[in-house]
Amino acid sequence: MKKFLILLLILVAIGAVAVVTCPDRLAHKDAVMSVVNEKINEEITPEKNGEGLAVFGVALSSSIIEYALDKHLTVKNHFVYSEGFLMRDGSSERLSVGVFGHVFTFSKEDLDRMLDGMK
C-alpha cells in the first residue's frame, strides 16, 4: 500500500509540473521562428545574394513569417502539453508540440519538404 501511495504521489507531482510548465502561444511562435530563421539564414547569404540584399532579404522574410504566424498560429492547450497548429484554408497542420517548458518543432529538413509540397 505504501509503494502505491508513493507512486501515486510521484505521478501527481509530475503531472503538476507538466501543467505549470506547459508552453504558451509565445513559446510556440518563438520555437517555430527559430527554425525558420535558421533556414532563411542558410538560404539568403551574402555570398549568394550580395551583402545589402542578404540583410534586407533576411529582415523582410523574418517579418513576413512572423506576421503570418501572428495571424494563423493556433495553440491548443491540453493542460499537460500543448500543440501549435498553422491554420490555413480551413485546414490545420501541426507545427509544434510543447511539454515541460520545451517546444519541439519540425526540423529544417521537414521545412524543406513542406516548402517543396507548396510549389
PDB file of N, CA and C in Angstrom:
ATOM      1  N   MET A   1       0.815  -1.193   0.000  1.00  0.00           N
ATOM      2  CA  MET A   1       0.000   0.000   0.000  1.00  0.00           C
ATOM      3  C   MET A   1       0.860   1.257   0.000  1.00  0.00           C
ATOM      4  N   LYS A   2       1.959   1.183   0.745  1.00  0.00           N
ATOM      5  CA  LYS A   2       2.845   2.332   0.850  1.00  0.00           C
ATOM      6  C   LYS A   2       3.498   2.645  -0.499  1.00  0.00           C
ATOM      7  N   LYS A   3       3.897   1.600  -1.240  1.00  0.00           N
ATOM      8  CA  LYS A   3       4.514   1.798  -2.548  1.00  0.00           C
ATOM      9  C   LYS A   3       3.524   2.428  -3.521  1.00  0.00           C
ATOM     10  N   PHE A   4       2.259   2.006  -3.433  1.00  0.00           N
ATOM     11  CA  PHE A   4       1.234   2.566  -4.301  1.00  0.00           C
ATOM     12  C   PHE A   4       1.044   4.061  -4.030  1.00  0.00           C
ATOM     13  N   LEU A   5       1.015   4.459  -2.774  1.00  0.00           N
ATOM     14  CA  LEU A   5       0.848   5.869  -2.420  1.00  0.00           C
ATOM     15  C   LEU A   5       2.043   6.699  -2.881  1.00  0.00           C
ATOM     16  N   ILE A   6       3.229   6.152  -2.751  1.00  0.00           N
ATOM     17  CA  ILE A   6       4.431   6.863  -3.200  1.00  0.00           C
ATOM     18  C   ILE A   6       4.397   7.028  -4.714  1.00  0.00           C
ATOM     19  N   LEU A   7       4.033   5.959  -5.429  1.00  0.00           N
ATOM     20  CA  LEU A   7       3.923   6.029  -6.884  1.00  0.00           C
ATOM     21  C   LEU A   7       2.860   7.041  -7.301  1.00  0.00           C
ATOM     22  N   LEU A   8       1.732   7.036  -6.624  1.00  0.00           N
ATOM     23  CA  LEU A   8       0.661   7.986  -6.914  1.00  0.00           C
ATOM     24  C   LEU A   8       1.108   9.416  -6.651  1.00  0.00           C
ATOM     25  N   LEU A   9       1.820   9.640  -5.580  1.00  0.00           N
ATOM     26  CA  LEU A   9       2.339  10.960  -5.237  1.00  0.00           C
ATOM     27  C   LEU A   9       3.328  11.438  -6.301  1.00  0.00           C
ATOM     28  N   ILE A  10       4.197  10.546  -6.770  1.00  0.00           N
ATOM     29  CA  ILE A  10       5.165  10.894  -7.814  1.00  0.00           C
ATOM     30  C   ILE A  10       4.445  11.253  -9.109  1.00  0.00           C
ATOM     31  N   LEU A  11       3.440  10.484  -9.496  1.00  0.00           N
ATOM     32  CA  LEU A  11       2.678  10.775 -10.715  1.00  0.00           C
ATOM     33  C   LEU A  11       1.936  12.104 -10.612  1.00  0.00           C
ATOM     34  N   VAL A  12       1.373  12.398  -9.468  1.00  0.00           N
ATOM     35  CA  VAL A  12       0.689  13.673  -9.263  1.00  0.00           C
ATOM     36  C   VAL A  12       1.689  14.829  -9.345  1.00  0.00           C
ATOM     37  N   ALA A  13       2.874  14.646  -8.769  1.00  0.00           N
ATOM     38  CA  ALA A  13       3.900  15.686  -8.825  1.00  0.00           C
ATOM     39  C   ALA A  13       4.364  15.929 -10.259  1.00  0.00           C
ATOM     40  N   ILE A  14       4.572  14.870 -11.026  1.00  0.00           N
ATOM     41  CA  ILE A  14       4.973  15.011 -12.429  1.00  0.00           C
ATOM     42  C   ILE A  14       3.875  15.717 -13.218  1.00  0.00           C
ATOM     43  N   GLY A  15       2.631  15.338 -12.980  1.00  0.00           N
ATOM     44  CA  GLY A  15       1.513  15.992 -13.651  1.00  0.00           C
ATOM     45  C   GLY A  15       1.418  17.465 -13.300  1.00  0.00           C
ATOM     46  N   ALA A  16       1.624  17.796 -12.033  1.00  0.00           N
ATOM     47  CA  ALA A  16       1.572  19.201 -11.606  1.00  0.00           C
ATOM     48  C   ALA A  16       2.682  20.016 -12.268  1.00  0.00           C
ATOM     49  N   VAL A  17       3.877  19.446 -12.347  1.00  0.00           N
ATOM     50  CA  VAL A  17       4.985  20.143 -13.012  1.00  0.00           C
ATOM     51  C   VAL A  17       4.668  20.345 -14.495  1.00  0.00           C
ATOM     52  N   ALA A  18       4.080  19.339 -15.137  1.00  0.00           N
ATOM     53  CA  ALA A  18       3.720  19.456 -16.549  1.00  0.00           C
ATOM     54  C   ALA A  18       2.686  20.548 -16.763  1.00  0.00           C
ATOM     55  N   VAL A  19       1.720  20.653 -15.881  1.00  0.00           N
ATOM     56  CA  VAL A  19       0.689  21.692 -16.005  1.00  0.00           C
ATOM     57  C   VAL A  19       1.297  23.079 -15.826  1.00  0.00           C
ATOM     58  N   VAL A  20       2.150  23.241 -14.840  1.00  0.00           N
ATOM     59  CA  VAL A  20       2.741  24.547 -14.550  1.00  0.00           C
ATOM     60  C   VAL A  20       3.699  24.989 -15.654  1.00  0.00           C
ATOM     61  N   THR A  21       4.408  24.048 -16.251  1.00  0.00           N
ATOM     62  CA  THR A  21       5.421  24.404 -17.255  1.00  0.00           C
ATOM     63  C   THR A  21       4.928  24.254 -18.695  1.00  0.00           C
ATOM     64  N   CYS A  22       3.639  24.064 -18.890  1.00  0.00           N
ATOM     65  CA  CYS A  22       3.090  23.892 -20.240  1.00  0.00           C
ATOM     66  C   CYS A  22       3.354  25.165 -21.067  1.00  0.00           C
ATOM     67  N   PRO A  23       4.025  25.036 -22.232  1.00  0.00           N
ATOM     68  CA  PRO A  23       4.365  26.210 -23.041  1.00  0.00           C
ATOM     69  C   PRO A  23       3.124  26.922 -23.587  1.00  0.00           C
ATOM     70  N   ASP A  24       3.211  28.245 -23.681  1.00  0.00           N
ATOM     71  CA  ASP A  24       2.108  29.051 -24.189  1.00  0.00           C
ATOM     72  C   ASP A  24       2.310  29.372 -25.675  1.00  0.00           C
ATOM     73  N   ARG A  25       1.439  30.205 -26.228  1.00  0.00           N
ATOM     74  CA  ARG A  25       1.473  30.553 -27.648  1.00  0.00           C
ATOM     75  C   ARG A  25       2.797  31.227 -28.029  1.00  0.00           C
ATOM     76  N   LEU A  26       3.278  32.115 -27.188  1.00  0.00           N
ATOM     77  CA  LEU A  26       4.527  32.823 -27.484  1.00  0.00           C
ATOM     78  C   LEU A  26       5.707  31.857 -27.568  1.00  0.00           C
ATOM     79  N   ALA A  27       5.749  30.857 -26.701  1.00  0.00           N
ATOM     80  CA  ALA A  27       6.833  29.867 -26.747  1.00  0.00           C
ATOM     81  C   ALA A  27       6.783  29.071 -28.048  1.00  0.00           C
ATOM     82  N   HIS A  28       5.588  28.725 -28.502  1.00  0.00           N
ATOM     83  CA  HIS A  28       5.446  28.003 -29.771  1.00  0.00           C
ATOM     84  C   HIS A  28       5.889  28.892 -30.934  1.00  0.00           C
ATOM     85  N   LYS A  29       5.470  30.143 -30.926  1.00  0.00           N
ATOM     86  CA  LYS A  29       5.845  31.066 -32.002  1.00  0.00           C
ATOM     87  C   LYS A  29       7.360  31.254 -32.035  1.00  0.00           C
ATOM     88  N   ASP A  30       7.982  31.438 -30.884  1.00  0.00           N
ATOM     89  CA  ASP A  30       9.436  31.617 -30.827  1.00  0.00           C
ATOM     90  C   ASP A  30      10.184  30.388 -31.346  1.00  0.00           C
ATOM     91  N   ALA A  31       9.701  29.196 -30.998  1.00  0.00           N
ATOM     92  CA  ALA A  31      10.369  27.966 -31.446  1.00  0.00           C
ATOM     93  C   ALA A  31      10.264  27.810 -32.963  1.00  0.00           C
ATOM     94  N   VAL A  32       9.096  28.074 -33.522  1.00  0.00           N
ATOM     95  CA  VAL A  32       8.920  27.981 -34.974  1.00  0.00           C
ATOM     96  C   VAL A  32       9.761  29.041 -35.670  1.00  0.00           C
ATOM     97  N   MET A  33       9.755  30.261 -35.150  1.00  0.00           N
ATOM     98  CA  MET A  33      10.542  31.340 -35.756  1.00  0.00           C
ATOM     99  C   MET A  33      12.039  31.015 -35.722  1.00  0.00           C
ATOM    100  N   SER A  34      12.492  30.356 -34.677  1.00  0.00           N
ATOM    101  CA  SER A  34      13.899  29.986 -34.573  1.00  0.00           C
ATOM    102  C   SER A  34      14.313  29.067 -35.719  1.00  0.00           C
ATOM    103  N   VAL A  35      13.504  28.037 -35.985  1.00  0.00           N
ATOM    104  CA  VAL A  35      13.820  27.109 -37.075  1.00  0.00           C
ATOM    105  C   VAL A  35      13.735  27.820 -38.430  1.00  0.00           C
ATOM    106  N   VAL A  36      12.698  28.624 -38.616  1.00  0.00           N
ATOM    107  CA  VAL A  36      12.527  29.339 -39.885  1.00  0.00           C
ATOM    108  C   VAL A  36      13.678  30.320 -40.105  1.00  0.00           C
ATOM    109  N   ASN A  37      14.079  31.038 -39.068  1.00  0.00           N
ATOM    110  CA  ASN A  37      15.193  31.988 -39.212  1.00  0.00           C
ATOM    111  C   ASN A  37      16.504  31.285 -39.536  1.00  0.00           C
ATOM    112  N   GLU A  38      16.734  30.105 -38.941  1.00  0.00           N
ATOM    113  CA  GLU A  38      17.939  29.343 -39.291  1.00  0.00           C
ATOM    114  C   GLU A  38      17.936  28.993 -40.777  1.00  0.00           C
ATOM    115  N   LYS A  39      16.786  28.545 -41.266  1.00  0.00           N
ATOM    116  CA  LYS A  39      16.670  28.175 -42.683  1.00  0.00           C
ATOM    117  C   LYS A  39      16.849  29.392 -43.583  1.00  0.00           C
ATOM    118  N   ILE A  40      16.268  30.514 -43.218  1.00  0.00           N
ATOM    119  CA  ILE A  40      16.410  31.742 -44.005  1.00  0.00           C
ATOM    120  C   ILE A  40      17.870  32.162 -44.053  1.00  0.00           C
ATOM    121  N   ASN A  41      18.548  32.099 -42.915  1.00  0.00           N
ATOM    122  CA  ASN A  41      19.963  32.494 -42.874  1.00  0.00           C
ATOM    123  C   ASN A  41      20.839  31.572 -43.706  1.00  0.00           C
ATOM    124  N   GLU A  42      20.446  30.297 -43.830  1.00  0.00           N
ATOM    125  CA  GLU A  42      21.199  29.383 -44.687  1.00  0.00           C
ATOM    126  C   GLU A  42      20.980  29.698 -46.164  1.00  0.00           C
ATOM    127  N   GLU A  43      19.750  30.056 -46.513  1.00  0.00           N
ATOM    128  CA  GLU A  43      19.398  30.260 -47.918  1.00  0.00           C
ATOM    129  C   GLU A  43      19.793  31.637 -48.438  1.00  0.00           C
ATOM    130  N   ILE A  44      19.676  32.645 -47.603  1.00  0.00           N
ATOM    131  CA  ILE A  44      19.986  34.011 -48.032  1.00  0.00           C
ATOM    132  C   ILE A  44      21.314  34.401 -47.402  1.00  0.00           C
ATOM    133  N   THR A  45      22.376  34.263 -48.156  1.00  0.00           N
ATOM    134  CA  THR A  45      23.710  34.569 -47.662  1.00  0.00           C
ATOM    135  C   THR A  45      24.340  35.667 -48.508  1.00  0.00           C
ATOM    136  N   PRO A  46      25.293  36.411 -47.936  1.00  0.00           N
ATOM    137  CA  PRO A  46      25.968  37.450 -48.722  1.00  0.00           C
ATOM    138  C   PRO A  46      26.685  36.884 -49.952  1.00  0.00           C
ATOM    139  N   GLU A  47      27.171  35.633 -49.853  1.00  0.00           N
ATOM    140  CA  GLU A  47      27.867  35.030 -50.988  1.00  0.00           C
ATOM    141  C   GLU A  47      26.907  34.804 -52.158  1.00  0.00           C
ATOM    142  N   LYS A  48      25.680  34.393 -51.863  1.00  0.00           N
ATOM    143  CA  LYS A  48      24.703  34.115 -52.915  1.00  0.00           C
ATOM    144  C   LYS A  48      23.997  35.367 -53.399  1.00  0.00           C
ATOM    145  N   ASN A  49      23.684  36.280 -52.488  1.00  0.00           N
ATOM    146  CA  ASN A  49      22.793  37.377 -52.804  1.00  0.00           C
ATOM    147  C   ASN A  49      23.406  38.769 -52.691  1.00  0.00           C
ATOM    148  N   GLY A  50      24.630  38.900 -52.277  1.00  0.00           N
ATOM    149  CA  GLY A  50      25.211  40.219 -52.050  1.00  0.00           C
ATOM    150  C   GLY A  50      24.926  40.666 -50.629  1.00  0.00           C
ATOM    151  N   GLU A  51      25.811  41.493 -50.084  1.00  0.00           N
ATOM    152  CA  GLU A  51      25.721  41.891 -48.674  1.00  0.00           C
ATOM    153  C   GLU A  51      24.426  42.631 -48.346  1.00  0.00           C
ATOM    154  N   GLY A  52      24.143  43.703 -49.084  1.00  0.00           N
ATOM    155  CA  GLY A  52      22.956  44.513 -48.790  1.00  0.00           C
ATOM    156  C   GLY A  52      21.669  43.755 -49.016  1.00  0.00           C
ATOM    157  N   LEU A  53      21.597  43.012 -50.097  1.00  0.00           N
ATOM    158  CA  LEU A  53      20.388  42.259 -50.416  1.00  0.00           C
ATOM    159  C   LEU A  53      20.156  41.145 -49.403  1.00  0.00           C
ATOM    160  N   ALA A  54      21.215  40.527 -48.929  1.00  0.00           N
ATOM    161  CA  ALA A  54      21.081  39.449 -47.951  1.00  0.00           C
ATOM    162  C   ALA A  54      20.493  39.981 -46.644  1.00  0.00           C
ATOM    163  N   VAL A  55      20.994  41.104 -46.162  1.00  0.00           N
ATOM    164  CA  VAL A  55      20.486  41.691 -44.919  1.00  0.00           C
ATOM    165  C   VAL A  55      19.016  42.070 -45.084  1.00  0.00           C
ATOM    166  N   PHE A  56      18.688  42.702 -46.203  1.00  0.00           N
ATOM    167  CA  PHE A  56      17.306  43.098 -46.481  1.00  0.00           C
ATOM    168  C   PHE A  56      16.409  41.870 -46.613  1.00  0.00           C
ATOM    169  N   GLY A  57      16.878  40.854 -47.308  1.00  0.00           N
ATOM    170  CA  GLY A  57      16.088  39.635 -47.511  1.00  0.00           C
ATOM    171  C   GLY A  57      15.795  38.906 -46.225  1.00  0.00           C
ATOM    172  N   VAL A  58      16.784  38.800 -45.354  1.00  0.00           N
ATOM    173  CA  VAL A  58      16.579  38.128 -44.066  1.00  0.00           C
ATOM    174  C   VAL A  58      15.574  38.902 -43.225  1.00  0.00           C
ATOM    175  N   ALA A  59      15.729  40.216 -43.171  1.00  0.00           N
ATOM    176  CA  ALA A  59      14.814  41.032 -42.367  1.00  0.00           C
ATOM    177  C   ALA A  59      13.385  40.954 -42.903  1.00  0.00           C
ATOM    178  N   LEU A  60      13.237  41.054 -44.211  1.00  0.00           N
ATOM    179  CA  LEU A  60      11.914  41.013 -44.821  1.00  0.00           C
ATOM    180  C   LEU A  60      11.269  39.634 -44.643  1.00  0.00           C
ATOM    181  N   SER A  61      12.025  38.591 -44.892  1.00  0.00           N
ATOM    182  CA  SER A  61      11.492  37.229 -44.749  1.00  0.00           C
ATOM    183  C   SER A  61      11.052  36.957 -43.317  1.00  0.00           C
ATOM    184  N   SER A  62      11.864  37.338 -42.360  1.00  0.00           N
ATOM    185  CA  SER A  62      11.519  37.128 -40.953  1.00  0.00           C
ATOM    186  C   SER A  62      10.258  37.888 -40.577  1.00  0.00           C
ATOM    187  N   SER A  63      10.136  39.107 -41.073  1.00  0.00           N
ATOM    188  CA  SER A  63       8.951  39.912 -40.769  1.00  0.00           C
ATOM    189  C   SER A  63       7.694  39.290 -41.356  1.00  0.00           C
ATOM    190  N   ILE A  64       7.788  38.795 -42.569  1.00  0.00           N
ATOM    191  CA  ILE A  64       6.628  38.183 -43.218  1.00  0.00           C
ATOM    192  C   ILE A  64       6.212  36.910 -42.488  1.00  0.00           C
ATOM    193  N   ILE A  65       7.175  36.068 -42.135  1.00  0.00           N
ATOM    194  CA  ILE A  65       6.867  34.823 -41.422  1.00  0.00           C
ATOM    195  C   ILE A  65       6.277  35.134 -40.051  1.00  0.00           C
ATOM    196  N   GLU A  66       6.828  36.117 -39.362  1.00  0.00           N
ATOM    197  CA  GLU A  66       6.308  36.475 -38.043  1.00  0.00           C
ATOM    198  C   GLU A  66       4.868  36.988 -38.146  1.00  0.00           C
ATOM    199  N   TYR A  67       4.584  37.797 -39.161  1.00  0.00           N
ATOM    200  CA  TYR A  67       3.228  38.296 -39.380  1.00  0.00           C
ATOM    201  C   TYR A  67       2.265  37.134 -39.650  1.00  0.00           C
ATOM    202  N   ALA A  68       2.694  36.188 -40.496  1.00  0.00           N
ATOM    203  CA  ALA A  68       1.851  35.036 -40.812  1.00  0.00           C
ATOM    204  C   ALA A  68       1.588  34.193 -39.565  1.00  0.00           C
ATOM    205  N   LEU A  69       2.593  34.006 -38.735  1.00  0.00           N
ATOM    206  CA  LEU A  69       2.397  33.239 -37.510  1.00  0.00           C
ATOM    207  C   LEU A  69       1.456  33.964 -36.548  1.00  0.00           C
ATOM    208  N   ASP A  70       1.578  35.287 -36.466  1.00  0.00           N
ATOM    209  CA  ASP A  70       0.675  36.051 -35.605  1.00  0.00           C
ATOM    210  C   ASP A  70      -0.776  35.850 -36.021  1.00  0.00           C
ATOM    211  N   LYS A  71      -1.011  35.777 -37.315  1.00  0.00           N
ATOM    212  CA  LYS A  71      -2.374  35.644 -37.832  1.00  0.00           C
ATOM    213  C   LYS A  71      -2.894  34.206 -37.828  1.00  0.00           C
ATOM    214  N   HIS A  72      -2.036  33.239 -38.098  1.00  0.00           N
ATOM    215  CA  HIS A  72      -2.506  31.882 -38.384  1.00  0.00           C
ATOM    216  C   HIS A  72      -2.068  30.805 -37.397  1.00  0.00           C
ATOM    217  N   LEU A  73      -1.273  31.138 -36.397  1.00  0.00           N
ATOM    218  CA  LEU A  73      -0.838  30.143 -35.419  1.00  0.00           C
ATOM    219  C   LEU A  73      -1.883  30.013 -34.322  1.00  0.00           C
ATOM    220  N   THR A  74      -2.339  28.802 -34.115  1.00  0.00           N
ATOM    221  CA  THR A  74      -3.291  28.497 -33.048  1.00  0.00           C
ATOM    222  C   THR A  74      -2.646  27.470 -32.135  1.00  0.00           C
ATOM    223  N   VAL A  75      -2.749  27.699 -30.842  1.00  0.00           N
ATOM    224  CA  VAL A  75      -2.176  26.774 -29.874  1.00  0.00           C
ATOM    225  C   VAL A  75      -3.304  26.183 -29.033  1.00  0.00           C
ATOM    226  N   LYS A  76      -3.350  24.862 -29.003  1.00  0.00           N
ATOM    227  CA  LYS A  76      -4.324  24.146 -28.183  1.00  0.00           C
ATOM    228  C   LYS A  76      -3.625  23.652 -26.931  1.00  0.00           C
ATOM    229  N   ASN A  77      -4.116  24.099 -25.786  1.00  0.00           N
ATOM    230  CA  ASN A  77      -3.533  23.717 -24.506  1.00  0.00           C
ATOM    231  C   ASN A  77      -4.302  22.517 -23.957  1.00  0.00           C
ATOM    232  N   HIS A  78      -3.597  21.427 -23.743  1.00  0.00           N
ATOM    233  CA  HIS A  78      -4.188  20.201 -23.203  1.00  0.00           C
ATOM    234  C   HIS A  78      -3.750  19.980 -21.752  1.00  0.00           C
ATOM    235  N   PHE A  79      -3.507  21.058 -21.033  1.00  0.00           N
ATOM    236  CA  PHE A  79      -3.099  21.093 -19.629  1.00  0.00           C
ATOM    237  C   PHE A  79      -1.689  20.576 -19.387  1.00  0.00           C
ATOM    238  N   VAL A  80      -1.363  19.349 -19.774  1.00  0.00           N
ATOM    239  CA  VAL A  80      -0.017  18.835 -19.518  1.00  0.00           C
ATOM    240  C   VAL A  80       0.887  19.001 -20.739  1.00  0.00           C
ATOM    241  N   TYR A  81       0.311  19.266 -21.910  1.00  0.00           N
ATOM    242  CA  TYR A  81       1.083  19.563 -23.107  1.00  0.00           C
ATOM    243  C   TYR A  81       0.256  20.482 -23.990  1.00  0.00           C
ATOM    244  N   SER A  82       0.905  21.092 -24.967  1.00  0.00           N
ATOM    245  CA  SER A  82       0.205  21.969 -25.892  1.00  0.00           C
ATOM    246  C   SER A  82       0.684  21.686 -27.311  1.00  0.00           C
ATOM    247  N   GLU A  83      -0.181  22.000 -28.277  1.00  0.00           N
ATOM    248  CA  GLU A  83       0.136  21.785 -29.682  1.00  0.00           C
ATOM    249  C   GLU A  83      -0.057  23.095 -30.437  1.00  0.00           C
ATOM    250  N   GLY A  84       0.871  23.388 -31.340  1.00  0.00           N
ATOM    251  CA  GLY A  84       0.754  24.562 -32.186  1.00  0.00           C
ATOM    252  C   GLY A  84       0.356  24.148 -33.594  1.00  0.00           C
ATOM    253  N   PHE A  85      -0.670  24.794 -34.134  1.00  0.00           N
ATOM    254  CA  PHE A  85      -1.181  24.477 -35.465  1.00  0.00           C
ATOM    255  C   PHE A  85      -1.144  25.713 -36.346  1.00  0.00           C
ATOM    256  N   LEU A  86      -0.851  25.515 -37.612  1.00  0.00           N
ATOM    257  CA  LEU A  86      -0.943  26.568 -38.611  1.00  0.00           C
ATOM    258  C   LEU A  86      -2.277  26.379 -39.311  1.00  0.00           C
ATOM    259  N   MET A  87      -3.166  27.350 -39.172  1.00  0.00           N
ATOM    260  CA  MET A  87      -4.494  27.277 -39.764  1.00  0.00           C
ATOM    261  C   MET A  87      -4.468  27.997 -41.113  1.00  0.00           C
ATOM    262  N   ARG A  88      -4.817  27.265 -42.175  1.00  0.00           N
ATOM    263  CA  ARG A  88      -4.876  27.885 -43.490  1.00  0.00           C
ATOM    264  C   ARG A  88      -5.891  27.143 -44.351  1.00  0.00           C
ATOM    265  N   ASP A  89      -6.692  27.892 -45.066  1.00  0.00           N
ATOM    266  CA  ASP A  89      -7.695  27.351 -45.986  1.00  0.00           C
ATOM    267  C   ASP A  89      -8.609  26.332 -45.308  1.00  0.00           C
ATOM    268  N   GLY A  90      -8.991  26.585 -44.084  1.00  0.00           N
ATOM    269  CA  GLY A  90      -9.895  25.690 -43.383  1.00  0.00           C
ATOM    270  C   GLY A  90      -9.264  24.421 -42.840  1.00  0.00           C
ATOM    271  N   SER A  91      -7.999  24.205 -43.101  1.00  0.00           N
ATOM    272  CA  SER A  91      -7.323  23.022 -42.574  1.00  0.00           C
ATOM    273  C   SER A  91      -6.222  23.458 -41.606  1.00  0.00           C
ATOM    274  N   SER A  92      -5.749  22.503 -40.834  1.00  0.00           N
ATOM    275  CA  SER A  92      -4.683  22.821 -39.889  1.00  0.00           C
ATOM    276  C   SER A  92      -3.549  21.826 -40.043  1.00  0.00           C
ATOM    277  N   GLU A  93      -2.358  22.310 -39.782  1.00  0.00           N
ATOM    278  CA  GLU A  93      -1.167  21.467 -39.838  1.00  0.00           C
ATOM    279  C   GLU A  93      -0.382  21.669 -38.550  1.00  0.00           C
ATOM    280  N   ARG A  94      -0.052  20.578 -37.875  1.00  0.00           N
ATOM    281  CA  ARG A  94       0.683  20.690 -36.619  1.00  0.00           C
ATOM    282  C   ARG A  94       2.108  21.159 -36.887  1.00  0.00           C
ATOM    283  N   LEU A  95       2.504  22.211 -36.184  1.00  0.00           N
ATOM    284  CA  LEU A  95       3.858  22.736 -36.305  1.00  0.00           C
ATOM    285  C   LEU A  95       4.732  22.382 -35.114  1.00  0.00           C
ATOM    286  N   SER A  96       4.112  22.283 -33.934  1.00  0.00           N
ATOM    287  CA  SER A  96       4.925  22.102 -32.743  1.00  0.00           C
ATOM    288  C   SER A  96       4.128  21.413 -31.638  1.00  0.00           C
ATOM    289  N   VAL A  97       4.876  20.819 -30.712  1.00  0.00           N
ATOM    290  CA  VAL A  97       4.312  20.203 -29.518  1.00  0.00           C
ATOM    291  C   VAL A  97       5.158  20.676 -28.342  1.00  0.00           C
ATOM    292  N   GLY A  98       4.493  21.123 -27.292  1.00  0.00           N
ATOM    293  CA  GLY A  98       5.213  21.635 -26.133  1.00  0.00           C
ATOM    294  C   GLY A  98       4.880  20.869 -24.873  1.00  0.00           C
ATOM    295  N   VAL A  99       5.909  20.555 -24.100  1.00  0.00           N
ATOM    296  CA  VAL A  99       5.729  19.857 -22.827  1.00  0.00           C
ATOM    297  C   VAL A  99       6.915  20.181 -21.918  1.00  0.00           C
ATOM    298  N   PHE A 100       6.652  20.290 -20.620  1.00  0.00           N
ATOM    299  CA  PHE A 100       7.681  20.583 -19.611  1.00  0.00           C
ATOM    300  C   PHE A 100       8.524  21.813 -19.973  1.00  0.00           C
ATOM    301  N   GLY A 101       7.894  22.845 -20.497  1.00  0.00           N
ATOM    302  CA  GLY A 101       8.583  24.096 -20.779  1.00  0.00           C
ATOM    303  C   GLY A 101       9.404  24.109 -22.052  1.00  0.00           C
ATOM    304  N   HIS A 102       9.359  23.054 -22.835  1.00  0.00           N
ATOM    305  CA  HIS A 102      10.115  22.993 -24.085  1.00  0.00           C
ATOM    306  C   HIS A 102       9.156  22.751 -25.245  1.00  0.00           C
ATOM    307  N   VAL A 103       9.453  23.407 -26.373  1.00  0.00           N
ATOM    308  CA  VAL A 103       8.628  23.245 -27.566  1.00  0.00           C
ATOM    309  C   VAL A 103       9.436  22.489 -28.614  1.00  0.00           C
ATOM    310  N   PHE A 104       8.890  21.386 -29.085  1.00  0.00           N
ATOM    311  CA  PHE A 104       9.508  20.586 -30.134  1.00  0.00           C
ATOM    312  C   PHE A 104       8.850  20.963 -31.455  1.00  0.00           C
ATOM    313  N   THR A 105       9.675  21.300 -32.447  1.00  0.00           N
ATOM    314  CA  THR A 105       9.146  21.716 -33.737  1.00  0.00           C
ATOM    315  C   THR A 105       9.684  20.813 -34.831  1.00  0.00           C
ATOM    316  N   PHE A 106       9.331  21.174 -36.030  1.00  0.00           N
ATOM    317  CA  PHE A 106       9.854  20.482 -37.197  1.00  0.00           C
ATOM    318  C   PHE A 106      11.324  20.839 -37.376  1.00  0.00           C
ATOM    319  N   SER A 107      12.035  20.051 -38.140  1.00  0.00           N
ATOM    320  CA  SER A 107      13.435  20.337 -38.419  1.00  0.00           C
ATOM    321  C   SER A 107      13.542  21.130 -39.720  1.00  0.00           C
ATOM    322  N   LYS A 108      14.751  21.568 -40.043  1.00  0.00           N
ATOM    323  CA  LYS A 108      14.960  22.292 -41.307  1.00  0.00           C
ATOM    324  C   LYS A 108      14.683  21.385 -42.502  1.00  0.00           C
ATOM    325  N   GLU A 109      14.947  20.088 -42.353  1.00  0.00           N
ATOM    326  CA  GLU A 109      14.666  19.146 -43.436  1.00  0.00           C
ATOM    327  C   GLU A 109      13.158  19.010 -43.656  1.00  0.00           C
ATOM    328  N   ASP A 110      12.395  18.986 -42.560  1.00  0.00           N
ATOM    329  CA  ASP A 110      10.940  18.953 -42.682  1.00  0.00           C
ATOM    330  C   ASP A 110      10.423  20.223 -43.337  1.00  0.00           C
ATOM    331  N   LEU A 111      11.044  21.344 -43.018  1.00  0.00           N
ATOM    332  CA  LEU A 111      10.658  22.613 -43.635  1.00  0.00           C
ATOM    333  C   LEU A 111      10.896  22.569 -45.139  1.00  0.00           C
ATOM    334  N   ASP A 112      12.013  21.980 -45.561  1.00  0.00           N
ATOM    335  CA  ASP A 112      12.272  21.815 -46.994  1.00  0.00           C
ATOM    336  C   ASP A 112      11.166  20.998 -47.663  1.00  0.00           C
ATOM    337  N   ARG A 113      10.766  19.906 -47.014  1.00  0.00           N
ATOM    338  CA  ARG A 113       9.702  19.064 -47.589  1.00  0.00           C
ATOM    339  C   ARG A 113       8.376  19.824 -47.670  1.00  0.00           C
ATOM    340  N   MET A 114       8.069  20.614 -46.626  1.00  0.00           N
ATOM    341  CA  MET A 114       6.818  21.396 -46.648  1.00  0.00           C
ATOM    342  C   MET A 114       6.847  22.421 -47.769  1.00  0.00           C
ATOM    343  N   LEU A 115       7.993  23.075 -47.938  1.00  0.00           N
ATOM    344  CA  LEU A 115       8.086  24.087 -48.976  1.00  0.00           C
ATOM    345  C   LEU A 115       8.039  23.458 -50.365  1.00  0.00           C
ATOM    346  N   ASP A 116       8.633  22.280 -50.522  1.00  0.00           N
ATOM    347  CA  ASP A 116       8.547  21.579 -51.801  1.00  0.00           C
ATOM    348  C   ASP A 116       7.108  21.191 -52.116  1.00  0.00           C
ATOM    349  N   GLY A 117       6.336  20.848 -51.114  1.00  0.00           N
ATOM    350  CA  GLY A 117       4.939  20.481 -51.318  1.00  0.00           C
ATOM    351  C   GLY A 117       4.068  21.664 -51.692  1.00  0.00           C
ATOM    352  N   MET A 118       4.515  22.883 -51.414  1.00  0.00           N
ATOM    353  CA  MET A 118       3.733  24.084 -51.734  1.00  0.00           C
ATOM    354  C   MET A 118       4.004  24.569 -53.143  1.00  0.00           C
ATOM    355  N   LYS A 119       5.032  24.048 -53.795  1.00  0.00           N
ATOM    356  CA  LYS A 119       5.381  24.521 -55.139  1.00  0.00           C
ATOM    357  C   LYS A 119       4.450  23.966 -56.176  1.00  0.00           C
TER     358      LYS A 119
END
